[in-house]
Amino acid sequence: MTKPDLRSDKELIKACLAGDARAWDTLIERYQRLVYSVPMRYGVSPDDAADIMQDVFILLFRNLHALRDADKIASWLITTTQRESWRWKKRESKFGSKVVQESEKDEDILASLPDNRESPEETALRMEAQQTIRDALSLLEDRCRELLRLLFYEHPRPSYKSISRALGIPEGAIGPTRARCLKKLKEIVARLGGM
């Protein structure tokens, strides 16, 4: 497993502007879930959400040189994705199955969108925290990473008996091992500067 690129957003943007393709890939990987989640909350189909995500990353690429505050890239992406989702919703209303009269105002379309219960800043913070956890998990030893994956990411959660068989550890050792692994994870998160 390759180690995550731990450069800051500012460093990644600078590297992107210098032509570093790996930096661009890292930026996309870091924020693709965030960008994809925004149109999905607007009720967009998965295919359309993927198209919107692609459009947003094209806009980001074109505007990298103009970003005033590289540390706020998540907020920029959320705002841009919301606008692109709104434009998609407007196009769908005009050209899709629903016919919109010329007199319909943009505000009417905005009002028809589902309520976004999180502010862009809250969404950005949540997504950044999730990314920090994913990065920290990737730095754990294999056994801890697999145990935490089975306990917290597998649905439905497997029984201790099946975890014991999968990892080759006694059922009674799962709890104490989990505690040690979570402590290591917490230390890595602290080193990464998150949460």
N, C-alpha and C. Protein backbone atom coordinates (compact mmCIF):
# COMPACT_ATOMS: atom_id res chain seq x y z
N MET A 1 0.84 -1.18 0.00
CA MET A 1 0.00 0.00 0.00
C MET A 1 0.89 1.24 0.00
N THR A 2 0.62 2.18 -0.91
CA THR A 2 1.43 3.39 -0.95
C THR A 2 1.02 4.33 0.17
N LYS A 3 2.00 5.03 0.69
CA LYS A 3 1.73 5.97 1.77
C LYS A 3 1.00 7.17 1.21
N PRO A 4 0.09 7.74 2.02
CA PRO A 4 -0.65 8.91 1.53
C PRO A 4 0.29 10.12 1.39
N ASP A 5 -0.07 10.96 0.46
CA ASP A 5 0.67 12.21 0.25
C ASP A 5 0.22 13.17 1.33
N LEU A 6 1.07 13.49 2.27
CA LEU A 6 0.69 14.30 3.43
C LEU A 6 0.99 15.79 3.24
N ARG A 7 1.30 16.19 2.00
CA ARG A 7 1.53 17.61 1.77
C ARG A 7 0.25 18.40 2.03
N SER A 8 0.42 19.63 2.48
CA SER A 8 -0.75 20.49 2.71
C SER A 8 -1.38 20.84 1.38
N ASP A 9 -2.61 21.34 1.44
CA ASP A 9 -3.29 21.76 0.21
C ASP A 9 -2.48 22.84 -0.50
N LYS A 10 -1.93 23.74 0.27
CA LYS A 10 -1.13 24.83 -0.31
C LYS A 10 0.08 24.27 -1.07
N GLU A 11 0.75 23.29 -0.47
CA GLU A 11 1.90 22.66 -1.13
C GLU A 11 1.46 21.90 -2.38
N LEU A 12 0.32 21.24 -2.29
CA LEU A 12 -0.18 20.49 -3.44
C LEU A 12 -0.53 21.43 -4.59
N ILE A 13 -1.18 22.53 -4.29
CA ILE A 13 -1.55 23.49 -5.33
C ILE A 13 -0.31 24.06 -5.99
N LYS A 14 0.68 24.40 -5.19
CA LYS A 14 1.94 24.92 -5.74
C LYS A 14 2.58 23.87 -6.66
N ALA A 15 2.57 22.61 -6.23
CA ALA A 15 3.14 21.53 -7.04
C ALA A 15 2.32 21.32 -8.32
N CYS A 16 1.00 21.42 -8.21
CA CYS A 16 0.14 21.30 -9.41
C CYS A 16 0.49 22.38 -10.42
N LEU A 17 0.65 23.59 -9.94
CA LEU A 17 0.97 24.71 -10.83
C LEU A 17 2.34 24.53 -11.49
N ALA A 18 3.20 23.74 -10.82
CA ALA A 18 4.52 23.45 -11.39
C ALA A 18 4.49 22.22 -12.30
N GLY A 19 3.29 21.63 -12.48
CA GLY A 19 3.16 20.50 -13.40
C GLY A 19 3.27 19.13 -12.76
N ASP A 20 3.18 19.04 -11.45
CA ASP A 20 3.30 17.76 -10.74
C ASP A 20 1.97 16.99 -10.82
N ALA A 21 1.91 15.98 -11.66
CA ALA A 21 0.68 15.21 -11.87
C ALA A 21 0.28 14.45 -10.60
N ARG A 22 1.26 13.98 -9.83
CA ARG A 22 0.94 13.26 -8.59
C ARG A 22 0.23 14.18 -7.60
N ALA A 23 0.61 15.44 -7.56
CA ALA A 23 -0.04 16.39 -6.67
C ALA A 23 -1.50 16.57 -7.08
N TRP A 24 -1.75 16.65 -8.38
CA TRP A 24 -3.12 16.80 -8.87
C TRP A 24 -3.95 15.56 -8.50
N ASP A 25 -3.37 14.37 -8.71
CA ASP A 25 -4.06 13.14 -8.34
C ASP A 25 -4.40 13.12 -6.85
N THR A 26 -3.46 13.60 -6.02
CA THR A 26 -3.69 13.65 -4.58
C THR A 26 -4.82 14.60 -4.22
N LEU A 27 -4.85 15.76 -4.87
CA LEU A 27 -5.94 16.71 -4.61
C LEU A 27 -7.29 16.10 -4.96
N ILE A 28 -7.36 15.44 -6.10
CA ILE A 28 -8.62 14.81 -6.51
C ILE A 28 -9.00 13.72 -5.52
N GLU A 29 -8.04 12.87 -5.18
CA GLU A 29 -8.32 11.78 -4.24
C GLU A 29 -8.77 12.32 -2.88
N ARG A 30 -8.16 13.39 -2.44
CA ARG A 30 -8.48 13.98 -1.15
C ARG A 30 -9.89 14.55 -1.10
N TYR A 31 -10.37 15.09 -2.21
CA TYR A 31 -11.64 15.82 -2.19
C TYR A 31 -12.75 15.21 -3.03
N GLN A 32 -12.51 14.09 -3.70
CA GLN A 32 -13.55 13.55 -4.59
C GLN A 32 -14.80 13.14 -3.83
N ARG A 33 -14.66 12.56 -2.65
CA ARG A 33 -15.86 12.16 -1.89
C ARG A 33 -16.67 13.39 -1.49
N LEU A 34 -15.98 14.43 -1.08
CA LEU A 34 -16.65 15.67 -0.69
C LEU A 34 -17.43 16.23 -1.87
N VAL A 35 -16.76 16.37 -3.02
CA VAL A 35 -17.40 16.95 -4.19
C VAL A 35 -18.57 16.08 -4.66
N TYR A 36 -18.40 14.79 -4.66
CA TYR A 36 -19.45 13.87 -5.12
C TYR A 36 -20.66 13.92 -4.19
N SER A 37 -20.43 14.11 -2.89
CA SER A 37 -21.53 14.08 -1.93
C SER A 37 -22.48 15.26 -2.07
N VAL A 38 -22.00 16.40 -2.54
CA VAL A 38 -22.85 17.59 -2.63
C VAL A 38 -24.01 17.39 -3.61
N PRO A 39 -23.76 17.03 -4.87
CA PRO A 39 -24.90 16.84 -5.77
C PRO A 39 -25.81 15.69 -5.35
N MET A 40 -25.26 14.69 -4.68
CA MET A 40 -26.09 13.58 -4.22
C MET A 40 -27.12 14.07 -3.22
N ARG A 41 -26.75 15.07 -2.40
CA ARG A 41 -27.71 15.63 -1.45
C ARG A 41 -28.80 16.43 -2.15
N TYR A 42 -28.53 16.86 -3.36
CA TYR A 42 -29.52 17.59 -4.13
C TYR A 42 -30.44 16.63 -4.90
N GLY A 43 -30.27 15.35 -4.72
CA GLY A 43 -31.12 14.38 -5.38
C GLY A 43 -30.69 14.04 -6.79
N VAL A 44 -29.44 14.28 -7.10
CA VAL A 44 -28.91 14.00 -8.44
C VAL A 44 -28.58 12.51 -8.55
N SER A 45 -28.74 11.96 -9.73
CA SER A 45 -28.41 10.55 -9.94
C SER A 45 -26.89 10.37 -9.80
N PRO A 46 -26.44 9.16 -9.48
CA PRO A 46 -25.00 8.92 -9.36
C PRO A 46 -24.22 9.30 -10.63
N ASP A 47 -24.78 9.01 -11.81
CA ASP A 47 -24.09 9.36 -13.06
C ASP A 47 -23.96 10.88 -13.22
N ASP A 48 -25.05 11.60 -12.92
CA ASP A 48 -25.00 13.05 -13.02
C ASP A 48 -24.08 13.65 -11.96
N ALA A 49 -24.08 13.05 -10.77
CA ALA A 49 -23.17 13.53 -9.71
C ALA A 49 -21.71 13.36 -10.15
N ALA A 50 -21.42 12.26 -10.84
CA ALA A 50 -20.06 12.05 -11.35
C ALA A 50 -19.71 13.09 -12.42
N ASP A 51 -20.68 13.43 -13.27
CA ASP A 51 -20.45 14.47 -14.28
C ASP A 51 -20.21 15.83 -13.62
N ILE A 52 -21.00 16.14 -12.61
CA ILE A 52 -20.83 17.41 -11.89
C ILE A 52 -19.46 17.43 -11.22
N MET A 53 -19.08 16.30 -10.61
CA MET A 53 -17.77 16.23 -9.97
C MET A 53 -16.65 16.49 -10.99
N GLN A 54 -16.77 15.91 -12.16
CA GLN A 54 -15.76 16.12 -13.20
C GLN A 54 -15.72 17.60 -13.59
N ASP A 55 -16.88 18.22 -13.76
CA ASP A 55 -16.93 19.65 -14.11
C ASP A 55 -16.27 20.51 -13.03
N VAL A 56 -16.53 20.17 -11.77
CA VAL A 56 -15.96 20.95 -10.66
C VAL A 56 -14.44 20.83 -10.65
N PHE A 57 -13.91 19.62 -10.88
CA PHE A 57 -12.46 19.48 -10.89
C PHE A 57 -11.82 20.17 -12.10
N ILE A 58 -12.54 20.23 -13.21
CA ILE A 58 -12.04 21.01 -14.36
C ILE A 58 -11.98 22.48 -13.99
N LEU A 59 -13.04 22.97 -13.32
CA LEU A 59 -13.05 24.37 -12.87
C LEU A 59 -11.92 24.63 -11.88
N LEU A 60 -11.69 23.69 -10.98
CA LEU A 60 -10.59 23.84 -10.03
C LEU A 60 -9.26 23.94 -10.77
N PHE A 61 -9.05 23.04 -11.72
CA PHE A 61 -7.80 23.05 -12.48
C PHE A 61 -7.59 24.39 -13.18
N ARG A 62 -8.66 24.91 -13.78
CA ARG A 62 -8.57 26.18 -14.50
C ARG A 62 -8.34 27.36 -13.56
N ASN A 63 -8.75 27.22 -12.30
CA ASN A 63 -8.69 28.35 -11.36
C ASN A 63 -7.64 28.19 -10.28
N LEU A 64 -6.81 27.16 -10.37
CA LEU A 64 -5.78 26.96 -9.33
C LEU A 64 -4.93 28.20 -9.12
N HIS A 65 -4.54 28.83 -10.20
CA HIS A 65 -3.66 30.00 -10.10
C HIS A 65 -4.34 31.18 -9.41
N ALA A 66 -5.67 31.19 -9.40
CA ALA A 66 -6.40 32.33 -8.85
C ALA A 66 -6.91 32.10 -7.43
N LEU A 67 -6.72 30.91 -6.88
CA LEU A 67 -7.19 30.66 -5.52
C LEU A 67 -6.46 31.58 -4.54
N ARG A 68 -7.23 32.37 -3.83
CA ARG A 68 -6.63 33.35 -2.92
C ARG A 68 -6.14 32.70 -1.63
N ASP A 69 -6.88 31.73 -1.15
CA ASP A 69 -6.54 31.10 0.12
C ASP A 69 -6.56 29.58 -0.07
N ALA A 70 -5.40 29.03 -0.34
CA ALA A 70 -5.30 27.59 -0.63
C ALA A 70 -5.77 26.73 0.54
N ASP A 71 -5.71 27.27 1.75
CA ASP A 71 -6.14 26.49 2.91
C ASP A 71 -7.66 26.35 2.98
N LYS A 72 -8.38 27.08 2.15
CA LYS A 72 -9.84 27.02 2.15
C LYS A 72 -10.37 26.33 0.89
N ILE A 73 -9.57 25.44 0.33
CA ILE A 73 -9.97 24.78 -0.91
C ILE A 73 -11.26 23.97 -0.72
N ALA A 74 -11.44 23.35 0.45
CA ALA A 74 -12.66 22.57 0.68
C ALA A 74 -13.90 23.46 0.59
N SER A 75 -13.85 24.64 1.17
CA SER A 75 -14.98 25.56 1.09
C SER A 75 -15.21 26.00 -0.35
N TRP A 76 -14.14 26.26 -1.09
CA TRP A 76 -14.26 26.65 -2.50
C TRP A 76 -14.93 25.53 -3.29
N LEU A 77 -14.50 24.30 -3.03
CA LEU A 77 -15.07 23.15 -3.74
C LEU A 77 -16.55 22.96 -3.41
N ILE A 78 -16.91 23.12 -2.15
CA ILE A 78 -18.31 22.97 -1.76
C ILE A 78 -19.17 24.02 -2.43
N THR A 79 -18.74 25.27 -2.36
CA THR A 79 -19.50 26.36 -2.97
C THR A 79 -19.63 26.16 -4.47
N THR A 80 -18.54 25.82 -5.13
CA THR A 80 -18.55 25.60 -6.57
C THR A 80 -19.45 24.43 -6.93
N THR A 81 -19.38 23.36 -6.15
CA THR A 81 -20.22 22.18 -6.43
C THR A 81 -21.69 22.50 -6.21
N GLN A 82 -21.99 23.29 -5.19
CA GLN A 82 -23.38 23.69 -4.98
C GLN A 82 -23.89 24.49 -6.18
N ARG A 83 -23.07 25.40 -6.69
CA ARG A 83 -23.47 26.19 -7.86
C ARG A 83 -23.66 25.30 -9.09
N GLU A 84 -22.74 24.36 -9.29
CA GLU A 84 -22.87 23.46 -10.43
C GLU A 84 -24.10 22.56 -10.28
N SER A 85 -24.39 22.14 -9.07
CA SER A 85 -25.59 21.32 -8.82
C SER A 85 -26.84 22.15 -9.10
N TRP A 86 -26.83 23.39 -8.69
CA TRP A 86 -27.95 24.29 -8.95
C TRP A 86 -28.14 24.47 -10.46
N ARG A 87 -27.04 24.69 -11.19
CA ARG A 87 -27.13 24.84 -12.65
C ARG A 87 -27.67 23.56 -13.28
N TRP A 88 -27.21 22.40 -12.79
CA TRP A 88 -27.71 21.13 -13.30
C TRP A 88 -29.21 21.03 -13.06
N LYS A 89 -29.64 21.40 -11.85
CA LYS A 89 -31.06 21.33 -11.50
C LYS A 89 -31.86 22.26 -12.42
N LYS A 90 -31.32 23.43 -12.71
CA LYS A 90 -32.00 24.39 -13.59
C LYS A 90 -32.11 23.83 -15.01
N ARG A 91 -31.01 23.26 -15.52
CA ARG A 91 -31.04 22.66 -16.86
C ARG A 91 -32.01 21.50 -16.92
N GLU A 92 -32.00 20.67 -15.88
CA GLU A 92 -32.91 19.52 -15.84
C GLU A 92 -34.36 20.00 -15.86
N SER A 93 -34.62 21.06 -15.12
CA SER A 93 -35.99 21.59 -15.07
C SER A 93 -36.42 22.13 -16.44
N LYS A 94 -35.52 22.77 -17.15
CA LYS A 94 -35.86 23.35 -18.45
C LYS A 94 -35.92 22.32 -19.56
N PHE A 95 -35.00 21.36 -19.53
CA PHE A 95 -34.89 20.44 -20.65
C PHE A 95 -35.30 19.01 -20.32
N GLY A 96 -35.56 18.73 -19.05
CA GLY A 96 -35.94 17.39 -18.66
C GLY A 96 -37.43 17.18 -18.82
N SER A 97 -37.95 16.27 -18.04
CA SER A 97 -39.36 15.94 -18.16
C SER A 97 -40.25 17.07 -17.67
N LYS A 98 -39.77 17.89 -16.78
CA LYS A 98 -40.55 19.00 -16.24
C LYS A 98 -40.32 20.22 -17.12
N VAL A 99 -41.37 20.81 -17.63
CA VAL A 99 -41.26 22.00 -18.46
C VAL A 99 -41.38 23.21 -17.57
N VAL A 100 -40.44 24.14 -17.68
CA VAL A 100 -40.42 25.35 -16.86
C VAL A 100 -40.85 26.52 -17.72
N GLN A 101 -41.73 27.32 -17.21
CA GLN A 101 -42.15 28.51 -17.93
C GLN A 101 -41.05 29.54 -17.87
N GLU A 102 -40.97 30.38 -18.88
CA GLU A 102 -39.93 31.40 -18.95
C GLU A 102 -39.96 32.33 -17.76
N SER A 103 -41.14 32.51 -17.16
CA SER A 103 -41.25 33.48 -16.07
C SER A 103 -40.72 32.92 -14.75
N GLU A 104 -40.43 31.62 -14.69
CA GLU A 104 -39.96 31.05 -13.44
C GLU A 104 -38.60 31.65 -13.08
N LYS A 105 -38.46 32.07 -11.88
CA LYS A 105 -37.24 32.74 -11.43
C LYS A 105 -36.23 31.72 -10.89
N ASP A 106 -34.95 32.11 -10.92
CA ASP A 106 -33.91 31.26 -10.36
C ASP A 106 -34.17 30.96 -8.89
N GLU A 107 -34.75 31.94 -8.18
CA GLU A 107 -35.02 31.75 -6.75
C GLU A 107 -36.01 30.60 -6.54
N ASP A 108 -36.96 30.44 -7.48
CA ASP A 108 -37.93 29.35 -7.37
C ASP A 108 -37.22 28.00 -7.48
N ILE A 109 -36.25 27.94 -8.37
CA ILE A 109 -35.50 26.69 -8.53
C ILE A 109 -34.68 26.43 -7.27
N LEU A 110 -34.03 27.47 -6.75
CA LEU A 110 -33.25 27.31 -5.52
C LEU A 110 -34.15 26.86 -4.37
N ALA A 111 -35.34 27.41 -4.28
CA ALA A 111 -36.26 27.04 -3.21
C ALA A 111 -36.70 25.59 -3.33
N SER A 112 -36.68 25.03 -4.54
CA SER A 112 -37.12 23.65 -4.73
C SER A 112 -36.05 22.63 -4.35
N LEU A 113 -34.81 23.11 -4.16
CA LEU A 113 -33.74 22.19 -3.80
C LEU A 113 -33.89 21.75 -2.35
N PRO A 114 -33.49 20.51 -2.05
CA PRO A 114 -33.58 20.07 -0.66
C PRO A 114 -32.73 20.94 0.25
N ASP A 115 -33.16 21.06 1.49
CA ASP A 115 -32.43 21.85 2.48
C ASP A 115 -31.11 21.17 2.80
N ASN A 116 -30.04 21.92 2.68
CA ASN A 116 -28.73 21.41 3.03
C ASN A 116 -28.50 21.71 4.50
N ARG A 117 -28.60 20.72 5.34
CA ARG A 117 -28.61 20.94 6.78
C ARG A 117 -27.25 21.37 7.33
N GLU A 118 -26.18 21.11 6.62
CA GLU A 118 -24.85 21.53 7.07
C GLU A 118 -24.42 22.75 6.29
N SER A 119 -23.70 23.62 6.97
CA SER A 119 -23.10 24.73 6.24
C SER A 119 -21.91 24.19 5.46
N PRO A 120 -21.45 24.91 4.45
CA PRO A 120 -20.27 24.44 3.73
C PRO A 120 -19.05 24.25 4.64
N GLU A 121 -18.91 25.12 5.62
CA GLU A 121 -17.78 25.00 6.54
C GLU A 121 -17.87 23.74 7.37
N GLU A 122 -19.10 23.42 7.84
CA GLU A 122 -19.29 22.20 8.62
C GLU A 122 -19.02 20.96 7.78
N THR A 123 -19.48 20.98 6.54
CA THR A 123 -19.23 19.86 5.64
C THR A 123 -17.74 19.70 5.39
N ALA A 124 -17.06 20.82 5.15
CA ALA A 124 -15.62 20.76 4.91
C ALA A 124 -14.89 20.20 6.11
N LEU A 125 -15.24 20.65 7.30
CA LEU A 125 -14.58 20.15 8.52
C LEU A 125 -14.82 18.66 8.70
N ARG A 126 -16.07 18.22 8.46
CA ARG A 126 -16.38 16.81 8.61
C ARG A 126 -15.60 15.97 7.60
N MET A 127 -15.57 16.42 6.34
CA MET A 127 -14.86 15.67 5.31
C MET A 127 -13.35 15.66 5.56
N GLU A 128 -12.81 16.77 6.04
CA GLU A 128 -11.38 16.81 6.35
C GLU A 128 -11.05 15.86 7.49
N ALA A 129 -11.94 15.80 8.51
CA ALA A 129 -11.73 14.88 9.63
C ALA A 129 -11.77 13.44 9.14
N GLN A 130 -12.72 13.13 8.25
CA GLN A 130 -12.80 11.77 7.70
C GLN A 130 -11.55 11.43 6.89
N GLN A 131 -11.05 12.40 6.14
CA GLN A 131 -9.83 12.15 5.36
C GLN A 131 -8.64 11.92 6.28
N THR A 132 -8.57 12.68 7.37
CA THR A 132 -7.48 12.49 8.34
C THR A 132 -7.53 11.09 8.92
N ILE A 133 -8.72 10.62 9.24
CA ILE A 133 -8.86 9.25 9.77
C ILE A 133 -8.42 8.23 8.73
N ARG A 134 -8.84 8.41 7.48
CA ARG A 134 -8.43 7.47 6.42
C ARG A 134 -6.90 7.47 6.27
N ASP A 135 -6.30 8.65 6.29
CA ASP A 135 -4.84 8.74 6.18
C ASP A 135 -4.16 8.05 7.36
N ALA A 136 -4.69 8.28 8.56
CA ALA A 136 -4.11 7.66 9.75
C ALA A 136 -4.26 6.14 9.70
N LEU A 137 -5.42 5.66 9.26
CA LEU A 137 -5.62 4.21 9.14
C LEU A 137 -4.61 3.59 8.19
N SER A 138 -4.31 4.30 7.11
CA SER A 138 -3.37 3.74 6.13
C SER A 138 -1.95 3.63 6.70
N LEU A 139 -1.66 4.37 7.77
CA LEU A 139 -0.34 4.33 8.39
C LEU A 139 -0.23 3.31 9.52
N LEU A 140 -1.36 2.72 9.89
CA LEU A 140 -1.33 1.68 10.93
C LEU A 140 -0.76 0.38 10.36
N GLU A 141 -0.25 -0.46 11.26
CA GLU A 141 0.20 -1.78 10.83
C GLU A 141 -1.01 -2.55 10.31
N ASP A 142 -0.75 -3.53 9.46
CA ASP A 142 -1.82 -4.27 8.77
C ASP A 142 -2.85 -4.87 9.74
N ARG A 143 -2.38 -5.49 10.80
CA ARG A 143 -3.29 -6.18 11.72
C ARG A 143 -4.26 -5.19 12.37
N CYS A 144 -3.76 -4.04 12.84
CA CYS A 144 -4.63 -3.03 13.46
C CYS A 144 -5.59 -2.46 12.42
N ARG A 145 -5.08 -2.15 11.25
CA ARG A 145 -5.93 -1.57 10.21
C ARG A 145 -7.07 -2.52 9.87
N GLU A 146 -6.77 -3.81 9.74
CA GLU A 146 -7.80 -4.79 9.39
C GLU A 146 -8.79 -4.97 10.53
N LEU A 147 -8.31 -5.00 11.77
CA LEU A 147 -9.21 -5.14 12.91
C LEU A 147 -10.19 -3.96 12.98
N LEU A 148 -9.67 -2.74 12.84
CA LEU A 148 -10.53 -1.56 12.90
C LEU A 148 -11.49 -1.52 11.71
N ARG A 149 -11.02 -1.97 10.56
CA ARG A 149 -11.91 -2.02 9.39
C ARG A 149 -13.08 -2.97 9.66
N LEU A 150 -12.77 -4.15 10.20
CA LEU A 150 -13.82 -5.13 10.48
C LEU A 150 -14.79 -4.63 11.55
N LEU A 151 -14.26 -3.95 12.56
CA LEU A 151 -15.10 -3.50 13.67
C LEU A 151 -15.94 -2.26 13.33
N PHE A 152 -15.40 -1.37 12.49
CA PHE A 152 -16.07 -0.08 12.31
C PHE A 152 -16.54 0.22 10.89
N TYR A 153 -16.04 -0.52 9.90
CA TYR A 153 -16.41 -0.22 8.53
C TYR A 153 -17.19 -1.33 7.84
N GLU A 154 -17.15 -2.51 8.38
CA GLU A 154 -17.82 -3.65 7.76
C GLU A 154 -19.29 -3.66 8.18
N HIS A 155 -20.18 -3.78 7.19
CA HIS A 155 -21.62 -3.82 7.48
C HIS A 155 -22.24 -5.03 6.81
N PRO A 156 -22.93 -5.88 7.51
CA PRO A 156 -23.11 -5.82 8.96
C PRO A 156 -21.80 -6.18 9.66
N ARG A 157 -21.69 -5.70 10.88
CA ARG A 157 -20.45 -5.94 11.64
C ARG A 157 -20.30 -7.44 11.90
N PRO A 158 -19.14 -7.99 11.59
CA PRO A 158 -18.94 -9.43 11.82
C PRO A 158 -18.86 -9.74 13.32
N SER A 159 -19.16 -10.97 13.66
CA SER A 159 -19.07 -11.41 15.06
C SER A 159 -17.61 -11.49 15.49
N TYR A 160 -17.39 -11.46 16.81
CA TYR A 160 -16.03 -11.62 17.32
C TYR A 160 -15.45 -12.97 16.88
N LYS A 161 -16.31 -13.96 16.78
CA LYS A 161 -15.86 -15.29 16.36
C LYS A 161 -15.29 -15.24 14.93
N SER A 162 -16.02 -14.58 14.02
CA SER A 162 -15.52 -14.51 12.64
C SER A 162 -14.30 -13.60 12.53
N ILE A 163 -14.24 -12.54 13.35
CA ILE A 163 -13.05 -11.68 13.38
C ILE A 163 -11.85 -12.48 13.88
N SER A 164 -12.10 -13.29 14.93
CA SER A 164 -11.04 -14.14 15.50
C SER A 164 -10.47 -15.07 14.43
N ARG A 165 -11.36 -15.69 13.65
CA ARG A 165 -10.91 -16.59 12.58
C ARG A 165 -10.17 -15.82 11.48
N ALA A 166 -10.71 -14.67 11.10
CA ALA A 166 -10.11 -13.91 10.00
C ALA A 166 -8.72 -13.39 10.34
N LEU A 167 -8.53 -12.98 11.60
CA LEU A 167 -7.24 -12.38 11.98
C LEU A 167 -6.32 -13.35 12.72
N GLY A 168 -6.86 -14.51 13.10
CA GLY A 168 -6.04 -15.49 13.81
C GLY A 168 -5.68 -15.06 15.22
N ILE A 169 -6.59 -14.36 15.88
CA ILE A 169 -6.36 -13.98 17.28
C ILE A 169 -7.52 -14.49 18.12
N PRO A 170 -7.28 -14.80 19.41
CA PRO A 170 -8.36 -15.30 20.26
C PRO A 170 -9.45 -14.24 20.43
N GLU A 171 -10.70 -14.71 20.57
CA GLU A 171 -11.83 -13.79 20.75
C GLU A 171 -11.61 -12.86 21.93
N GLY A 172 -11.04 -13.39 23.03
CA GLY A 172 -10.81 -12.59 24.23
C GLY A 172 -9.77 -11.50 24.05
N ALA A 173 -8.97 -11.60 22.98
CA ALA A 173 -7.93 -10.59 22.75
C ALA A 173 -8.41 -9.46 21.85
N ILE A 174 -9.59 -9.59 21.28
CA ILE A 174 -10.07 -8.57 20.34
C ILE A 174 -10.27 -7.23 21.04
N GLY A 175 -10.92 -7.22 22.19
CA GLY A 175 -11.17 -5.97 22.92
C GLY A 175 -9.88 -5.24 23.28
N PRO A 176 -8.93 -5.91 23.96
CA PRO A 176 -7.68 -5.24 24.31
C PRO A 176 -6.86 -4.81 23.07
N THR A 177 -6.91 -5.64 22.02
CA THR A 177 -6.19 -5.28 20.79
C THR A 177 -6.83 -4.06 20.15
N ARG A 178 -8.16 -4.02 20.15
CA ARG A 178 -8.88 -2.86 19.62
C ARG A 178 -8.47 -1.59 20.38
N ALA A 179 -8.39 -1.68 21.71
CA ALA A 179 -8.01 -0.51 22.51
C ALA A 179 -6.60 -0.03 22.15
N ARG A 180 -5.66 -0.96 21.99
CA ARG A 180 -4.29 -0.58 21.61
C ARG A 180 -4.27 0.05 20.21
N CYS A 181 -5.03 -0.54 19.29
CA CYS A 181 -5.06 -0.02 17.92
C CYS A 181 -5.68 1.37 17.88
N LEU A 182 -6.75 1.59 18.64
CA LEU A 182 -7.37 2.92 18.67
C LEU A 182 -6.43 3.95 19.29
N LYS A 183 -5.64 3.52 20.28
CA LYS A 183 -4.66 4.44 20.88
C LYS A 183 -3.60 4.83 19.84
N LYS A 184 -3.12 3.84 19.08
CA LYS A 184 -2.14 4.12 18.02
C LYS A 184 -2.74 5.05 16.96
N LEU A 185 -4.00 4.78 16.61
CA LEU A 185 -4.67 5.61 15.62
C LEU A 185 -4.77 7.05 16.10
N LYS A 186 -5.12 7.23 17.35
CA LYS A 186 -5.24 8.56 17.95
C LYS A 186 -3.89 9.29 17.90
N GLU A 187 -2.82 8.58 18.19
CA GLU A 187 -1.48 9.18 18.15
C GLU A 187 -1.12 9.61 16.74
N ILE A 188 -1.44 8.79 15.75
CA ILE A 188 -1.15 9.13 14.34
C ILE A 188 -1.97 10.34 13.92
N VAL A 189 -3.25 10.37 14.30
CA VAL A 189 -4.10 11.52 13.97
C VAL A 189 -3.50 12.79 14.56
N ALA A 190 -3.02 12.72 15.80
CA ALA A 190 -2.41 13.88 16.45
C ALA A 190 -1.16 14.34 15.67
N ARG A 191 -0.36 13.37 15.21
CA ARG A 191 0.85 13.71 14.42
C ARG A 191 0.48 14.35 13.09
N LEU A 192 -0.63 13.91 12.52
CA LEU A 192 -1.07 14.47 11.23
C LEU A 192 -1.68 15.85 11.42
N GLY A 193 -1.88 16.23 12.68
CA GLY A 193 -2.40 17.57 12.95
C GLY A 193 -3.89 17.67 12.87
N GLY A 194 -4.58 16.57 12.94
CA GLY A 194 -6.03 16.61 12.82
C GLY A 194 -6.72 16.42 14.14
N MET A 195 -7.94 16.82 14.18
CA MET A 195 -8.89 16.62 15.26
C MET A 195 -8.27 16.80 16.62
